[in-house]
Amino acid sequence: MDFYDRFSELRAESGLTAPEIATRLNFSKNLIYAWEHKRAQPNIETLVKLARIFNVTVDYLIGNTDELGNVAPGEDLSEEEKKLVLCYRGIGKAERLALMTTAQSFYNQARDSKNKVII
């Protein structure tokens, strides 16, 4: 997979539109479309910014590796956690909201049960 395919995939998975990415980078939306249609390519500085936006490594972004990359900077994730992140990235905004609501509910229940004092 090359940069163009990976970029299009990450953009779709993130739910970000071309104009939203263009705004974050201070570029025109036409340049973003040019990347998706293989008519232009970003410089290294822009690749670094894109990697940060998508929370992946530049190597992942340009297709040098299929390893997920910077899922959580400074923290090693288990394989199960990496799978969860991949699943999250593969769903739409509505599904993400539902998933986050459910996850927050589970987290709150777990936290509340730890704080209960049993006498």
Protein backbone atom coordinates (compact mmCIF):
# COMPACT_ATOMS: atom_id res chain seq x y z
CA MET A 1 0.00 0.00 0.00
CA ASP A 2 1.43 3.39 -0.93
CA PHE A 3 0.93 6.84 0.63
CA TYR A 4 -2.04 7.68 -1.58
CA ASP A 5 -3.99 4.57 -0.65
CA ARG A 6 -3.02 4.75 3.01
CA PHE A 7 -3.94 8.45 3.21
CA SER A 8 -7.36 7.85 1.65
CA GLU A 9 -7.97 4.93 4.00
CA LEU A 10 -6.93 6.84 7.11
CA ARG A 11 -8.97 9.86 6.12
CA ALA A 12 -12.08 7.74 5.60
CA GLU A 13 -11.52 5.82 8.86
CA SER A 14 -11.01 9.01 10.82
CA GLY A 15 -14.20 10.55 9.48
CA LEU A 16 -12.30 13.70 8.54
CA THR A 17 -13.26 15.44 5.32
CA ALA A 18 -10.71 16.82 2.89
CA PRO A 19 -11.67 20.40 3.87
CA GLU A 20 -11.18 19.55 7.57
CA ILE A 21 -7.70 18.19 6.93
CA ALA A 22 -6.91 21.16 4.71
CA THR A 23 -7.93 23.51 7.53
CA ARG A 24 -5.74 21.67 10.06
CA LEU A 25 -2.76 21.91 7.72
CA ASN A 26 -3.57 25.39 6.40
CA PHE A 27 -3.70 24.04 2.82
CA SER A 28 -6.34 24.17 0.13
CA LYS A 29 -8.82 21.31 -0.06
CA ASN A 30 -7.78 20.89 -3.71
CA LEU A 31 -4.31 19.83 -2.56
CA ILE A 32 -5.85 17.18 -0.32
CA TYR A 33 -7.90 15.89 -3.26
CA ALA A 34 -4.75 15.90 -5.41
CA TRP A 35 -3.10 13.54 -2.90
CA GLU A 36 -6.07 11.20 -3.06
CA HIS A 37 -5.95 11.20 -6.86
CA LYS A 38 -2.17 10.68 -6.99
CA ARG A 39 -1.51 14.04 -8.66
CA ALA A 40 0.68 15.45 -5.87
CA GLN A 41 2.54 14.27 -2.81
CA PRO A 42 3.29 15.95 0.50
CA ASN A 43 6.76 16.93 1.66
CA ILE A 44 8.32 15.36 4.75
CA GLU A 45 7.17 18.16 7.07
CA THR A 46 3.59 17.62 5.94
CA LEU A 47 3.92 13.84 6.29
CA VAL A 48 4.93 14.34 9.92
CA LYS A 49 1.88 16.56 10.51
CA LEU A 50 -0.40 14.02 8.83
CA ALA A 51 1.05 11.22 10.93
CA ARG A 52 0.21 13.24 14.04
CA ILE A 53 -3.34 13.90 12.82
CA PHE A 54 -3.95 10.19 12.23
CA ASN A 55 -1.82 9.11 15.21
CA VAL A 56 0.37 6.77 13.14
CA THR A 57 4.04 6.71 12.21
CA VAL A 58 5.29 8.26 8.98
CA ASP A 59 6.44 4.76 7.97
CA TYR A 60 2.88 3.51 8.33
CA LEU A 61 1.51 6.52 6.45
CA ILE A 62 3.81 6.03 3.45
CA GLY A 63 3.30 2.28 3.35
CA ASN A 64 6.73 1.13 4.56
CA THR A 65 5.11 -0.90 7.33
CA ASP A 66 1.73 -2.30 8.24
CA GLU A 67 2.42 -1.88 11.94
CA LEU A 68 -0.13 0.44 13.49
CA GLY A 69 2.43 2.84 14.84
CA ASN A 70 1.85 5.58 17.39
CA VAL A 71 -1.33 4.32 18.96
CA ALA A 72 -0.46 5.83 22.32
CA PRO A 73 2.85 7.70 22.35
CA GLY A 74 5.04 6.64 25.23
CA GLU A 75 2.91 3.64 26.10
CA ASP A 76 3.06 0.07 24.85
CA LEU A 77 -0.34 -1.42 24.13
CA SER A 78 -1.25 -5.08 24.33
CA GLU A 79 -2.31 -6.87 21.16
CA GLU A 80 -5.90 -6.77 22.41
CA GLU A 81 -5.70 -2.99 22.89
CA LYS A 82 -4.21 -2.54 19.41
CA LYS A 83 -7.07 -4.58 17.93
CA LEU A 84 -9.55 -2.38 19.75
CA VAL A 85 -7.93 0.76 18.33
CA LEU A 86 -8.00 -0.72 14.82
CA CYS A 87 -11.68 -1.56 15.22
CA TYR A 88 -12.39 1.95 16.47
CA ARG A 89 -10.59 3.48 13.49
CA GLY A 90 -12.60 1.30 11.12
CA ILE A 91 -16.05 2.53 12.12
CA GLY A 92 -17.99 5.72 11.42
CA LYS A 93 -18.66 8.69 13.68
CA ALA A 94 -22.05 7.47 14.91
CA GLU A 95 -20.64 4.07 15.77
CA ARG A 96 -17.68 5.70 17.54
CA LEU A 97 -20.04 7.77 19.66
CA ALA A 98 -22.03 4.65 20.60
CA LEU A 99 -18.84 2.76 21.39
CA MET A 100 -17.44 5.58 23.51
CA THR A 101 -20.73 5.90 25.42
CA THR A 102 -20.73 2.17 26.12
CA ALA A 103 -17.05 2.13 27.08
CA GLN A 104 -17.54 5.10 29.42
CA SER A 105 -20.45 3.30 31.06
CA PHE A 106 -18.35 0.15 31.62
CA TYR A 107 -15.50 2.27 32.97
CA ASN A 108 -17.79 4.11 35.39
CA GLN A 109 -19.27 0.84 36.63
CA ALA A 110 -15.80 -0.64 37.19
CA ARG A 111 -14.60 2.50 38.97
CA ASP A 112 -17.73 2.64 41.15
CA SER A 113 -17.41 -1.01 42.14
CA LYS A 114 -13.79 -0.46 43.20
CA ASN A 115 -14.81 2.48 45.38
CA LYS A 116 -17.55 0.58 47.26
CA VAL A 117 -16.64 -0.37 50.78
CA ILE A 118 -17.96 -3.75 51.83
CA ILE A 119 -18.44 -4.18 55.58
